[in-house]
Amino acid sequence: MVMEKILNLTQHAATAEQIAAGVVEPADKIVVQALLTFEELPTAGEIKRRARSLSEFAATSGCKTAMIGGAPFFMGPLEYALATAGIKALYAFSRRETVEEKLPDGGVKKTQVFRHAGFVSTF
C-alpha cells in the first residue's frame, strides 16, 4: 500500500511522527514560511493573495493533501484556496505530555512534550 504524501504547509519542520505518517517538506520551505508570516496587520486582499499563492505552490508539489497551521485568521482562507485547487487541508492533532523532573534543590521542573496523534479534517 502506497502512503499518501502530505505537504507540510506550516512554518515548522515536521516531527518524526508526522514524517512517519506521510508528511513531506516542500522543496522551498522558505517560500512557505514567508507566505505564512505576517509582520504587519494584513488586509483581506493580502490574506487572499497569500492563500492563493500557497495553494498554487502546493499544486506544483503533486500532493493532494497538505498539513496547515499558522495564524488563525489565515487558516480559513487557506483551506478554501487549497480546496479550490483540489488539495485537502489537514490540521495536526497532538497530545500534550507533562514530564516532571525532581531538581537537586528540591524543586520540580515540568516540561511539556507534544506528541503527534493524527490529523483533523474540517470538511
PDB file of N, CA and C in Angstrom:
ATOM      1  N   MET A   1       0.835  -1.189   0.000  1.00  0.00           N
ATOM      2  CA  MET A   1       0.000   0.000   0.000  1.00  0.00           C
ATOM      3  C   MET A   1       0.879   1.252   0.000  1.00  0.00           C
ATOM      4  N   VAL A   2       0.610   2.177  -0.896  1.00  0.00           N
ATOM      5  CA  VAL A   2       1.380   3.408  -1.005  1.00  0.00           C
ATOM      6  C   VAL A   2       0.774   4.459  -0.079  1.00  0.00           C
ATOM      7  N   MET A   3       1.627   5.058   0.756  1.00  0.00           N
ATOM      8  CA  MET A   3       1.169   6.086   1.686  1.00  0.00           C
ATOM      9  C   MET A   3       1.017   7.407   0.940  1.00  0.00           C
ATOM     10  N   GLU A   4      -0.103   8.073   1.187  1.00  0.00           N
ATOM     11  CA  GLU A   4      -0.343   9.382   0.582  1.00  0.00           C
ATOM     12  C   GLU A   4       0.616  10.404   1.167  1.00  0.00           C
ATOM     13  N   LYS A   5       1.218  11.213   0.304  1.00  0.00           N
ATOM     14  CA  LYS A   5       2.111  12.267   0.772  1.00  0.00           C
ATOM     15  C   LYS A   5       1.289  13.467   1.217  1.00  0.00           C
ATOM     16  N   ILE A   6       1.678  14.049   2.335  1.00  0.00           N
ATOM     17  CA  ILE A   6       1.017  15.216   2.908  1.00  0.00           C
ATOM     18  C   ILE A   6       2.044  16.341   2.939  1.00  0.00           C
ATOM     19  N   LEU A   7       1.796  17.400   2.186  1.00  0.00           N
ATOM     20  CA  LEU A   7       2.740  18.512   2.103  1.00  0.00           C
ATOM     21  C   LEU A   7       2.671  19.355   3.374  1.00  0.00           C
ATOM     22  N   ASN A   8       3.819  19.658   3.957  1.00  0.00           N
ATOM     23  CA  ASN A   8       3.886  20.464   5.174  1.00  0.00           C
ATOM     24  C   ASN A   8       3.821  21.953   4.819  1.00  0.00           C
ATOM     25  N   LEU A   9       2.641  22.548   5.037  1.00  0.00           N
ATOM     26  CA  LEU A   9       2.471  23.981   4.814  1.00  0.00           C
ATOM     27  C   LEU A   9       2.357  24.692   6.153  1.00  0.00           C
ATOM     28  N   THR A  10       3.326  24.438   7.024  1.00  0.00           N
ATOM     29  CA  THR A  10       3.431  25.138   8.301  1.00  0.00           C
ATOM     30  C   THR A  10       4.815  25.778   8.354  1.00  0.00           C
ATOM     31  N   GLN A  11       5.023  26.638   9.341  1.00  0.00           N
ATOM     32  CA  GLN A  11       6.329  27.275   9.485  1.00  0.00           C
ATOM     33  C   GLN A  11       7.370  26.337  10.094  1.00  0.00           C
ATOM     34  N   HIS A  12       6.922  25.232  10.657  1.00  0.00           N
ATOM     35  CA  HIS A  12       7.806  24.356  11.418  1.00  0.00           C
ATOM     36  C   HIS A  12       8.152  23.095  10.636  1.00  0.00           C
ATOM     37  N   ALA A  13       9.292  22.519  10.958  1.00  0.00           N
ATOM     38  CA  ALA A  13       9.671  21.238  10.370  1.00  0.00           C
ATOM     39  C   ALA A  13       8.759  20.147  10.917  1.00  0.00           C
ATOM     40  N   ALA A  14       8.426  19.193  10.085  1.00  0.00           N
ATOM     41  CA  ALA A  14       7.607  18.063  10.512  1.00  0.00           C
ATOM     42  C   ALA A  14       8.349  17.242  11.564  1.00  0.00           C
ATOM     43  N   THR A  15       7.587  16.702  12.510  1.00  0.00           N
ATOM     44  CA  THR A  15       8.178  15.837  13.533  1.00  0.00           C
ATOM     45  C   THR A  15       8.410  14.443  12.947  1.00  0.00           C
ATOM     46  N   ALA A  16       9.165  13.632  13.649  1.00  0.00           N
ATOM     47  CA  ALA A  16       9.420  12.262  13.199  1.00  0.00           C
ATOM     48  C   ALA A  16       8.104  11.495  13.042  1.00  0.00           C
ATOM     49  N   GLU A  17       7.171  11.698  13.974  1.00  0.00           N
ATOM     50  CA  GLU A  17       5.876  11.017  13.905  1.00  0.00           C
ATOM     51  C   GLU A  17       5.083  11.467  12.683  1.00  0.00           C
ATOM     52  N   GLN A  18       5.146  12.773  12.359  1.00  0.00           N
ATOM     53  CA  GLN A  18       4.436  13.281  11.191  1.00  0.00           C
ATOM     54  C   GLN A  18       5.064  12.745   9.902  1.00  0.00           C
ATOM     55  N   ILE A  19       6.366  12.685   9.864  1.00  0.00           N
ATOM     56  CA  ILE A  19       7.052  12.130   8.693  1.00  0.00           C
ATOM     57  C   ILE A  19       6.654  10.671   8.503  1.00  0.00           C
ATOM     58  N   ALA A  20       6.586   9.924   9.594  1.00  0.00           N
ATOM     59  CA  ALA A  20       6.168   8.524   9.515  1.00  0.00           C
ATOM     60  C   ALA A  20       4.735   8.393   9.009  1.00  0.00           C
ATOM     61  N   ALA A  21       3.915   9.428   9.235  1.00  0.00           N
ATOM     62  CA  ALA A  21       2.520   9.426   8.785  1.00  0.00           C
ATOM     63  C   ALA A  21       2.374   9.927   7.350  1.00  0.00           C
ATOM     64  N   GLY A  22       3.489  10.315   6.708  1.00  0.00           N
ATOM     65  CA  GLY A  22       3.440  10.707   5.308  1.00  0.00           C
ATOM     66  C   GLY A  22       3.717  12.162   5.018  1.00  0.00           C
ATOM     67  N   VAL A  23       4.015  12.967   6.047  1.00  0.00           N
ATOM     68  CA  VAL A  23       4.282  14.387   5.823  1.00  0.00           C
ATOM     69  C   VAL A  23       5.645  14.563   5.152  1.00  0.00           C
ATOM     70  N   VAL A  24       5.660  15.413   4.134  1.00  0.00           N
ATOM     71  CA  VAL A  24       6.901  15.733   3.430  1.00  0.00           C
ATOM     72  C   VAL A  24       7.103  17.249   3.445  1.00  0.00           C
ATOM     73  N   GLU A  25       8.350  17.652   3.473  1.00  0.00           N
ATOM     74  CA  GLU A  25       8.674  19.075   3.455  1.00  0.00           C
ATOM     75  C   GLU A  25       8.619  19.584   2.015  1.00  0.00           C
ATOM     76  N   PRO A  26       8.199  20.828   1.834  1.00  0.00           N
ATOM     77  CA  PRO A  26       8.186  21.403   0.484  1.00  0.00           C
ATOM     78  C   PRO A  26       9.602  21.607  -0.031  1.00  0.00           C
ATOM     79  N   ALA A  27       9.736  21.639  -1.338  1.00  0.00           N
ATOM     80  CA  ALA A  27      11.048  21.839  -1.955  1.00  0.00           C
ATOM     81  C   ALA A  27      11.652  23.177  -1.541  1.00  0.00           C
ATOM     82  N   ASP A  28      10.811  24.189  -1.339  1.00  0.00           N
ATOM     83  CA  ASP A  28      11.296  25.517  -0.957  1.00  0.00           C
ATOM     84  C   ASP A  28      10.554  25.987   0.287  1.00  0.00           C
ATOM     85  N   LYS A  29      10.984  25.520   1.437  1.00  0.00           N
ATOM     86  CA  LYS A  29      10.333  25.836   2.717  1.00  0.00           C
ATOM     87  C   LYS A  29      10.332  27.343   2.992  1.00  0.00           C
ATOM     88  N   ILE A  30      11.353  28.036   2.526  1.00  0.00           N
ATOM     89  CA  ILE A  30      11.455  29.479   2.767  1.00  0.00           C
ATOM     90  C   ILE A  30      10.268  30.220   2.145  1.00  0.00           C
ATOM     91  N   VAL A  31       9.809  29.782   0.991  1.00  0.00           N
ATOM     92  CA  VAL A  31       8.642  30.400   0.348  1.00  0.00           C
ATOM     93  C   VAL A  31       7.410  30.203   1.226  1.00  0.00           C
ATOM     94  N   VAL A  32       7.231  28.992   1.724  1.00  0.00           N
ATOM     95  CA  VAL A  32       6.089  28.692   2.590  1.00  0.00           C
ATOM     96  C   VAL A  32       6.143  29.554   3.843  1.00  0.00           C
ATOM     97  N   GLN A  33       7.289  29.603   4.485  1.00  0.00           N
ATOM     98  CA  GLN A  33       7.432  30.390   5.712  1.00  0.00           C
ATOM     99  C   GLN A  33       7.143  31.869   5.465  1.00  0.00           C
ATOM    100  N   ALA A  34       7.617  32.396   4.346  1.00  0.00           N
ATOM    101  CA  ALA A  34       7.387  33.810   4.029  1.00  0.00           C
ATOM    102  C   ALA A  34       5.902  34.096   3.826  1.00  0.00           C
ATOM    103  N   LEU A  35       5.200  33.196   3.155  1.00  0.00           N
ATOM    104  CA  LEU A  35       3.775  33.406   2.904  1.00  0.00           C
ATOM    105  C   LEU A  35       2.937  33.245   4.174  1.00  0.00           C
ATOM    106  N   LEU A  36       3.438  32.480   5.138  1.00  0.00           N
ATOM    107  CA  LEU A  36       2.708  32.264   6.395  1.00  0.00           C
ATOM    108  C   LEU A  36       3.003  33.309   7.465  1.00  0.00           C
ATOM    109  N   THR A  37       4.052  34.094   7.271  1.00  0.00           N
ATOM    110  CA  THR A  37       4.475  35.050   8.290  1.00  0.00           C
ATOM    111  C   THR A  37       3.911  36.439   7.997  1.00  0.00           C
ATOM    112  N   PHE A  38       3.169  36.967   8.966  1.00  0.00           N
ATOM    113  CA  PHE A  38       2.581  38.299   8.849  1.00  0.00           C
ATOM    114  C   PHE A  38       3.262  39.211   9.869  1.00  0.00           C
ATOM    115  N   GLU A  39       4.009  40.179   9.375  1.00  0.00           N
ATOM    116  CA  GLU A  39       4.706  41.124  10.243  1.00  0.00           C
ATOM    117  C   GLU A  39       3.880  42.391  10.475  1.00  0.00           C
ATOM    118  N   GLU A  40       2.941  42.638   9.581  1.00  0.00           N
ATOM    119  CA  GLU A  40       2.068  43.811   9.654  1.00  0.00           C
ATOM    120  C   GLU A  40       0.621  43.348   9.604  1.00  0.00           C
ATOM    121  N   LEU A  41      -0.273  44.192  10.064  1.00  0.00           N
ATOM    122  CA  LEU A  41      -1.702  43.905  10.007  1.00  0.00           C
ATOM    123  C   LEU A  41      -2.106  43.729   8.541  1.00  0.00           C
ATOM    124  N   PRO A  42      -2.592  42.534   8.154  1.00  0.00           N
ATOM    125  CA  PRO A  42      -2.905  42.303   6.741  1.00  0.00           C
ATOM    126  C   PRO A  42      -4.312  42.781   6.362  1.00  0.00           C
ATOM    127  N   THR A  43      -4.461  43.127   5.109  1.00  0.00           N
ATOM    128  CA  THR A  43      -5.780  43.428   4.569  1.00  0.00           C
ATOM    129  C   THR A  43      -6.416  42.112   4.112  1.00  0.00           C
ATOM    130  N   ALA A  44      -7.703  42.144   3.865  1.00  0.00           N
ATOM    131  CA  ALA A  44      -8.379  40.952   3.340  1.00  0.00           C
ATOM    132  C   ALA A  44      -7.770  40.558   1.996  1.00  0.00           C
ATOM    133  N   GLY A  45      -7.426  41.550   1.186  1.00  0.00           N
ATOM    134  CA  GLY A  45      -6.811  41.263  -0.107  1.00  0.00           C
ATOM    135  C   GLY A  45      -5.466  40.573   0.029  1.00  0.00           C
ATOM    136  N   GLU A  46      -4.664  41.006   0.996  1.00  0.00           N
ATOM    137  CA  GLU A  46      -3.355  40.386   1.230  1.00  0.00           C
ATOM    138  C   GLU A  46      -3.527  38.940   1.689  1.00  0.00           C
ATOM    139  N   ILE A  47      -4.489  38.694   2.549  1.00  0.00           N
ATOM    140  CA  ILE A  47      -4.756  37.339   3.025  1.00  0.00           C
ATOM    141  C   ILE A  47      -5.149  36.443   1.854  1.00  0.00           C
ATOM    142  N   LYS A  48      -6.058  36.904   1.018  1.00  0.00           N
ATOM    143  CA  LYS A  48      -6.497  36.108  -0.145  1.00  0.00           C
ATOM    144  C   LYS A  48      -5.343  35.865  -1.105  1.00  0.00           C
ATOM    145  N   ARG A  49      -4.520  36.883  -1.347  1.00  0.00           N
ATOM    146  CA  ARG A  49      -3.387  36.737  -2.266  1.00  0.00           C
ATOM    147  C   ARG A  49      -2.401  35.679  -1.761  1.00  0.00           C
ATOM    148  N   ARG A  50      -2.095  35.748  -0.473  1.00  0.00           N
ATOM    149  CA  ARG A  50      -1.148  34.766   0.087  1.00  0.00           C
ATOM    150  C   ARG A  50      -1.736  33.359   0.083  1.00  0.00           C
ATOM    151  N   ALA A  51      -3.017  33.246   0.394  1.00  0.00           N
ATOM    152  CA  ALA A  51      -3.663  31.926   0.382  1.00  0.00           C
ATOM    153  C   ALA A  51      -3.622  31.339  -1.030  1.00  0.00           C
ATOM    154  N   ARG A  52      -3.928  32.157  -2.017  1.00  0.00           N
ATOM    155  CA  ARG A  52      -3.883  31.700  -3.410  1.00  0.00           C
ATOM    156  C   ARG A  52      -2.450  31.310  -3.797  1.00  0.00           C
ATOM    157  N   SER A  53      -1.473  32.107  -3.393  1.00  0.00           N
ATOM    158  CA  SER A  53      -0.069  31.796  -3.703  1.00  0.00           C
ATOM    159  C   SER A  53       0.352  30.472  -3.087  1.00  0.00           C
ATOM    160  N   LEU A  54      -0.046  30.241  -1.836  1.00  0.00           N
ATOM    161  CA  LEU A  54       0.293  28.965  -1.181  1.00  0.00           C
ATOM    162  C   LEU A  54      -0.394  27.793  -1.866  1.00  0.00           C
ATOM    163  N   SER A  55      -1.650  27.981  -2.274  1.00  0.00           N
ATOM    164  CA  SER A  55      -2.353  26.881  -2.942  1.00  0.00           C
ATOM    165  C   SER A  55      -1.714  26.573  -4.291  1.00  0.00           C
ATOM    166  N   GLU A  56      -1.269  27.603  -5.018  1.00  0.00           N
ATOM    167  CA  GLU A  56      -0.581  27.387  -6.287  1.00  0.00           C
ATOM    168  C   GLU A  56       0.756  26.687  -6.067  1.00  0.00           C
ATOM    169  N   PHE A  57       1.467  27.088  -5.023  1.00  0.00           N
ATOM    170  CA  PHE A  57       2.726  26.442  -4.651  1.00  0.00           C
ATOM    171  C   PHE A  57       2.481  24.963  -4.346  1.00  0.00           C
ATOM    172  N   ALA A  58       1.441  24.691  -3.554  1.00  0.00           N
ATOM    173  CA  ALA A  58       1.119  23.314  -3.175  1.00  0.00           C
ATOM    174  C   ALA A  58       0.736  22.478  -4.389  1.00  0.00           C
ATOM    175  N   ALA A  59       0.018  23.077  -5.325  1.00  0.00           N
ATOM    176  CA  ALA A  59      -0.415  22.345  -6.513  1.00  0.00           C
ATOM    177  C   ALA A  59       0.772  21.849  -7.337  1.00  0.00           C
ATOM    178  N   THR A  60       1.880  22.577  -7.306  1.00  0.00           N
ATOM    179  CA  THR A  60       3.063  22.156  -8.074  1.00  0.00           C
ATOM    180  C   THR A  60       3.794  20.990  -7.404  1.00  0.00           C
ATOM    181  N   SER A  61       3.458  20.691  -6.145  1.00  0.00           N
ATOM    182  CA  SER A  61       4.148  19.626  -5.408  1.00  0.00           C
ATOM    183  C   SER A  61       3.685  18.233  -5.807  1.00  0.00           C
ATOM    184  N   GLY A  62       2.506  18.154  -6.391  1.00  0.00           N
ATOM    185  CA  GLY A  62       1.944  16.849  -6.716  1.00  0.00           C
ATOM    186  C   GLY A  62       1.178  16.219  -5.568  1.00  0.00           C
ATOM    187  N   CYS A  63       1.215  16.833  -4.395  1.00  0.00           N
ATOM    188  CA  CYS A  63       0.482  16.312  -3.229  1.00  0.00           C
ATOM    189  C   CYS A  63      -0.984  16.723  -3.326  1.00  0.00           C
ATOM    190  N   LYS A  64      -1.863  15.849  -2.913  1.00  0.00           N
ATOM    191  CA  LYS A  64      -3.299  16.137  -2.898  1.00  0.00           C
ATOM    192  C   LYS A  64      -3.793  16.471  -1.494  1.00  0.00           C
ATOM    193  N   THR A  65      -2.870  16.462  -0.534  1.00  0.00           N
ATOM    194  CA  THR A  65      -3.199  16.757   0.855  1.00  0.00           C
ATOM    195  C   THR A  65      -2.090  17.630   1.433  1.00  0.00           C
ATOM    196  N   ALA A  66      -2.485  18.568   2.314  1.00  0.00           N
ATOM    197  CA  ALA A  66      -1.498  19.446   2.943  1.00  0.00           C
ATOM    198  C   ALA A  66      -1.810  19.600   4.426  1.00  0.00           C
ATOM    199  N   MET A  67      -0.771  19.586   5.243  1.00  0.00           N
ATOM    200  CA  MET A  67      -0.896  19.888   6.669  1.00  0.00           C
ATOM    201  C   MET A  67      -0.705  21.390   6.798  1.00  0.00           C
ATOM    202  N   ILE A  68      -1.708  22.064   7.396  1.00  0.00           N
ATOM    203  CA  ILE A  68      -1.621  23.515   7.521  1.00  0.00           C
ATOM    204  C   ILE A  68      -1.633  23.920   8.988  1.00  0.00           C
ATOM    205  N   GLY A  69      -1.134  25.104   9.234  1.00  0.00           N
ATOM    206  CA  GLY A  69      -1.118  25.656  10.576  1.00  0.00           C
ATOM    207  C   GLY A  69      -0.478  27.029  10.532  1.00  0.00           C
ATOM    208  N   GLY A  70      -0.929  27.890  11.414  1.00  0.00           N
ATOM    209  CA  GLY A  70      -0.395  29.242  11.453  1.00  0.00           C
ATOM    210  C   GLY A  70      -1.412  30.188  12.057  1.00  0.00           C
ATOM    211  N   ALA A  71      -1.384  31.421  11.628  1.00  0.00           N
ATOM    212  CA  ALA A  71      -2.284  32.439  12.159  1.00  0.00           C
ATOM    213  C   ALA A  71      -3.737  32.011  11.960  1.00  0.00           C
ATOM    214  N   PRO A  72      -4.530  31.979  13.033  1.00  0.00           N
ATOM    215  CA  PRO A  72      -5.921  31.525  12.906  1.00  0.00           C
ATOM    216  C   PRO A  72      -6.721  32.275  11.841  1.00  0.00           C
ATOM    217  N   PHE A  73      -6.479  33.574  11.682  1.00  0.00           N
ATOM    218  CA  PHE A  73      -7.231  34.354  10.692  1.00  0.00           C
ATOM    219  C   PHE A  73      -6.897  33.954   9.261  1.00  0.00           C
ATOM    220  N   PHE A  74      -5.802  33.207   9.076  1.00  0.00           N
ATOM    221  CA  PHE A  74      -5.362  32.817   7.747  1.00  0.00           C
ATOM    222  C   PHE A  74      -5.812  31.405   7.366  1.00  0.00           C
ATOM    223  N   MET A  75      -6.129  30.575   8.340  1.00  0.00           N
ATOM    224  CA  MET A  75      -6.404  29.171   8.051  1.00  0.00           C
ATOM    225  C   MET A  75      -7.676  28.958   7.226  1.00  0.00           C
ATOM    226  N   GLY A  76      -8.752  29.688   7.513  1.00  0.00           N
ATOM    227  CA  GLY A  76      -9.984  29.543   6.729  1.00  0.00           C
ATOM    228  C   GLY A  76      -9.760  29.884   5.262  1.00  0.00           C
ATOM    229  N   PRO A  77      -9.201  31.069   4.972  1.00  0.00           N
ATOM    230  CA  PRO A  77      -8.921  31.397   3.568  1.00  0.00           C
ATOM    231  C   PRO A  77      -7.944  30.421   2.904  1.00  0.00           C
ATOM    232  N   LEU A  78      -6.969  29.918   3.673  1.00  0.00           N
ATOM    233  CA  LEU A  78      -6.023  28.954   3.104  1.00  0.00           C
ATOM    234  C   LEU A  78      -6.726  27.643   2.788  1.00  0.00           C
ATOM    235  N   GLU A  79      -7.570  27.162   3.704  1.00  0.00           N
ATOM    236  CA  GLU A  79      -8.342  25.940   3.427  1.00  0.00           C
ATOM    237  C   GLU A  79      -9.160  26.094   2.148  1.00  0.00           C
ATOM    238  N   TYR A  80      -9.827  27.236   2.017  1.00  0.00           N
ATOM    239  CA  TYR A  80     -10.660  27.490   0.842  1.00  0.00           C
ATOM    240  C   TYR A  80      -9.826  27.480  -0.433  1.00  0.00           C
ATOM    241  N   ALA A  81      -8.696  28.177  -0.420  1.00  0.00           N
ATOM    242  CA  ALA A  81      -7.833  28.239  -1.601  1.00  0.00           C
ATOM    243  C   ALA A  81      -7.295  26.851  -1.960  1.00  0.00           C
ATOM    244  N   LEU A  82      -6.916  26.089  -0.949  1.00  0.00           N
ATOM    245  CA  LEU A  82      -6.428  24.731  -1.210  1.00  0.00           C
ATOM    246  C   LEU A  82      -7.536  23.859  -1.797  1.00  0.00           C
ATOM    247  N   ALA A  83      -8.737  23.939  -1.230  1.00  0.00           N
ATOM    248  CA  ALA A  83      -9.866  23.144  -1.729  1.00  0.00           C
ATOM    249  C   ALA A  83     -10.166  23.502  -3.178  1.00  0.00           C
ATOM    250  N   THR A  84     -10.094  24.772  -3.503  1.00  0.00           N
ATOM    251  CA  THR A  84     -10.327  25.223  -4.874  1.00  0.00           C
ATOM    252  C   THR A  84      -9.298  24.610  -5.828  1.00  0.00           C
ATOM    253  N   ALA A  85      -8.086  24.370  -5.320  1.00  0.00           N
ATOM    254  CA  ALA A  85      -7.017  23.763  -6.123  1.00  0.00           C
ATOM    255  C   ALA A  85      -7.055  22.234  -6.064  1.00  0.00           C
ATOM    256  N   GLY A  86      -8.062  21.668  -5.371  1.00  0.00           N
ATOM    257  CA  GLY A  86      -8.177  20.206  -5.285  1.00  0.00           C
ATOM    258  C   GLY A  86      -7.279  19.578  -4.236  1.00  0.00           C
ATOM    259  N   ILE A  87      -6.876  20.365  -3.241  1.00  0.00           N
ATOM    260  CA  ILE A  87      -5.983  19.870  -2.196  1.00  0.00           C
ATOM    261  C   ILE A  87      -6.724  19.888  -0.865  1.00  0.00           C
ATOM    262  N   LYS A  88      -6.706  18.757  -0.179  1.00  0.00           N
ATOM    263  CA  LYS A  88      -7.376  18.626   1.115  1.00  0.00           C
ATOM    264  C   LYS A  88      -6.478  19.158   2.225  1.00  0.00           C
ATOM    265  N   ALA A  89      -7.025  20.004   3.084  1.00  0.00           N
ATOM    266  CA  ALA A  89      -6.266  20.569   4.204  1.00  0.00           C
ATOM    267  C   ALA A  89      -6.479  19.728   5.462  1.00  0.00           C
ATOM    268  N   LEU A  90      -5.397  19.484   6.169  1.00  0.00           N
ATOM    269  CA  LEU A  90      -5.433  18.766   7.443  1.00  0.00           C
ATOM    270  C   LEU A  90      -4.726  19.595   8.506  1.00  0.00           C
ATOM    271  N   TYR A  91      -5.197  19.445   9.742  1.00  0.00           N
ATOM    272  CA  TYR A  91      -4.531  20.057  10.891  1.00  0.00           C
ATOM    273  C   TYR A  91      -3.917  18.940  11.718  1.00  0.00           C
ATOM    274  N   ALA A  92      -2.722  19.163  12.225  1.00  0.00           N
ATOM    275  CA  ALA A  92      -2.082  18.180  13.099  1.00  0.00           C
ATOM    276  C   ALA A  92      -2.770  18.194  14.457  1.00  0.00           C
ATOM    277  N   PHE A  93      -2.979  17.012  15.015  1.00  0.00           N
ATOM    278  CA  PHE A  93      -3.519  16.876  16.367  1.00  0.00           C
ATOM    279  C   PHE A  93      -2.417  16.291  17.233  1.00  0.00           C
ATOM    280  N   SER A  94      -2.131  16.956  18.343  1.00  0.00           N
ATOM    281  CA  SER A  94      -1.070  16.498  19.246  1.00  0.00           C
ATOM    282  C   SER A  94      -1.614  16.282  20.644  1.00  0.00           C
ATOM    283  N   ARG A  95      -1.017  15.327  21.325  1.00  0.00           N
ATOM    284  CA  ARG A  95      -1.299  15.130  22.749  1.00  0.00           C
ATOM    285  C   ARG A  95      -0.166  15.776  23.526  1.00  0.00           C
ATOM    286  N   ARG A  96      -0.522  16.455  24.588  1.00  0.00           N
ATOM    287  CA  ARG A  96       0.474  17.101  25.434  1.00  0.00           C
ATOM    288  C   ARG A  96       0.804  16.158  26.586  1.00  0.00           C
ATOM    289  N   GLU A  97       2.069  15.841  26.720  1.00  0.00           N
ATOM    290  CA  GLU A  97       2.528  15.007  27.826  1.00  0.00           C
ATOM    291  C   GLU A  97       3.377  15.866  28.756  1.00  0.00           C
ATOM    292  N   THR A  98       3.101  15.780  30.044  1.00  0.00           N
ATOM    293  CA  THR A  98       3.867  16.529  31.027  1.00  0.00           C
ATOM    294  C   THR A  98       4.868  15.595  31.687  1.00  0.00           C
ATOM    295  N   VAL A  99       6.116  16.010  31.669  1.00  0.00           N
ATOM    296  CA  VAL A  99       7.186  15.241  32.304  1.00  0.00           C
ATOM    297  C   VAL A  99       7.707  16.076  33.470  1.00  0.00           C
ATOM    298  N   GLU A 100       7.727  15.470  34.661  1.00  0.00           N
ATOM    299  CA  GLU A 100       8.235  16.166  35.843  1.00  0.00           C
ATOM    300  C   GLU A 100       9.597  15.616  36.214  1.00  0.00           C
ATOM    301  N   GLU A 101      10.516  16.520  36.512  1.00  0.00           N
ATOM    302  CA  GLU A 101      11.869  16.139  36.893  1.00  0.00           C
ATOM    303  C   GLU A 101      12.183  16.796  38.230  1.00  0.00           C
ATOM    304  N   LYS A 102      12.538  15.965  39.205  1.00  0.00           N
ATOM    305  CA  LYS A 102      12.907  16.499  40.520  1.00  0.00           C
ATOM    306  C   LYS A 102      14.308  17.086  40.442  1.00  0.00           C
ATOM    307  N   LEU A 103      14.449  18.316  40.892  1.00  0.00           N
ATOM    308  CA  LEU A 103      15.737  19.013  40.847  1.00  0.00           C
ATOM    309  C   LEU A 103      16.522  18.804  42.137  1.00  0.00           C
ATOM    310  N   PRO A 104      17.845  18.914  42.088  1.00  0.00           N
ATOM    311  CA  PRO A 104      18.683  18.709  43.272  1.00  0.00           C
ATOM    312  C   PRO A 104      18.316  19.634  44.440  1.00  0.00           C
ATOM    313  N   ASP A 105      17.799  20.832  44.141  1.00  0.00           N
ATOM    314  CA  ASP A 105      17.449  21.759  45.216  1.00  0.00           C
ATOM    315  C   ASP A 105      16.058  21.500  45.800  1.00  0.00           C
ATOM    316  N   GLY A 106      15.399  20.416  45.359  1.00  0.00           N
ATOM    317  CA  GLY A 106      14.071  20.069  45.858  1.00  0.00           C
ATOM    318  C   GLY A 106      12.941  20.578  44.992  1.00  0.00           C
ATOM    319  N   GLY A 107      13.233  21.430  44.047  1.00  0.00           N
ATOM    320  CA  GLY A 107      12.214  21.945  43.135  1.00  0.00           C
ATOM    321  C   GLY A 107      11.839  20.896  42.097  1.00  0.00           C
ATOM    322  N   VAL A 108      10.826  21.216  41.332  1.00  0.00           N
ATOM    323  CA  VAL A 108      10.370  20.323  40.272  1.00  0.00           C
ATOM    324  C   VAL A 108      10.329  21.108  38.964  1.00  0.00           C
ATOM    325  N   LYS A 109      10.908  20.519  37.936  1.00  0.00           N
ATOM    326  CA  LYS A 109      10.886  21.116  36.605  1.00  0.00           C
ATOM    327  C   LYS A 109       9.863  20.349  35.769  1.00  0.00           C
ATOM    328  N   LYS A 110       8.890  21.081  35.194  1.00  0.00           N
ATOM    329  CA  LYS A 110       7.892  20.458  34.333  1.00  0.00           C
ATOM    330  C   LYS A 110       8.206  20.807  32.888  1.00  0.00           C
ATOM    331  N   THR A 111       8.129  19.816  32.031  1.00  0.00           N
ATOM    332  CA  THR A 111       8.362  20.004  30.606  1.00  0.00           C
ATOM    333  C   THR A 111       7.157  19.478  29.854  1.00  0.00           C
ATOM    334  N   GLN A 112       6.676  20.264  28.887  1.00  0.00           N
ATOM    335  CA  GLN A 112       5.574  19.836  28.033  1.00  0.00           C
ATOM    336  C   GLN A 112       6.152  19.253  26.747  1.00  0.00           C
ATOM    337  N   VAL A 113       5.724  18.042  26.414  1.00  0.00           N
ATOM    338  CA  VAL A 113       6.135  17.404  25.181  1.00  0.00           C
ATOM    339  C   VAL A 113       4.876  17.170  24.358  1.00  0.00           C
ATOM    340  N   PHE A 114       4.889  17.621  23.113  1.00  0.00           N
ATOM    341  CA  PHE A 114       3.744  17.436  22.229  1.00  0.00           C
ATOM    342  C   PHE A 114       4.014  16.237  21.337  1.00  0.00           C
ATOM    343  N   ARG A 115       3.100  15.269  21.352  1.00  0.00           N
ATOM    344  CA  ARG A 115       3.232  14.048  20.557  1.00  0.00           C
ATOM    345  C   ARG A 115       2.157  14.028  19.477  1.00  0.00           C
ATOM    346  N   HIS A 116       2.592  13.886  18.234  1.00  0.00           N
ATOM    347  CA  HIS A 116       1.650  13.816  17.122  1.00  0.00           C
ATOM    348  C   HIS A 116       0.723  12.608  17.312  1.00  0.00           C
ATOM    349  N   ALA A 117      -0.583  12.851  17.190  1.00  0.00           N
ATOM    350  CA  ALA A 117      -1.542  11.763  17.391  1.00  0.00           C
ATOM    351  C   ALA A 117      -2.478  11.579  16.200  1.00  0.00           C
ATOM    352  N   GLY A 118      -2.312  12.357  15.162  1.00  0.00           N
ATOM    353  CA  GLY A 118      -3.164  12.191  13.986  1.00  0.00           C
ATOM    354  C   GLY A 118      -3.463  13.525  13.331  1.00  0.00           C
ATOM    355  N   PHE A 119      -4.422  13.478  12.417  1.00  0.00           N
ATOM    356  CA  PHE A 119      -4.803  14.670  11.666  1.00  0.00           C
ATOM    357  C   PHE A 119      -6.293  14.913  11.788  1.00  0.00           C
ATOM    358  N   VAL A 120      -6.680  16.184  11.688  1.00  0.00           N
ATOM    359  CA  VAL A 120      -8.088  16.576  11.728  1.00  0.00           C
ATOM    360  C   VAL A 120      -8.407  17.264  10.412  1.00  0.00           C
ATOM    361  N   SER A 121      -9.506  16.831   9.798  1.00  0.00           N
ATOM    362  CA  SER A 121     -10.019  17.484   8.602  1.00  0.00           C
ATOM    363  C   SER A 121     -11.315  18.164   8.985  1.00  0.00           C
ATOM    364  N   THR A 122     -11.489  19.411   8.572  1.00  0.00           N
ATOM    365  CA  THR A 122     -12.702  20.139   8.956  1.00  0.00           C
ATOM    366  C   THR A 122     -13.821  19.983   7.937  1.00  0.00           C
ATOM    367  N   PHE A 123     -13.528  19.325   6.814  1.00  0.00           N
ATOM    368  CA  PHE A 123     -14.591  19.023   5.840  1.00  0.00           C
ATOM    369  C   PHE A 123     -14.197  17.849   4.987  1.00  0.00           C
TER     370      PHE A 123
END
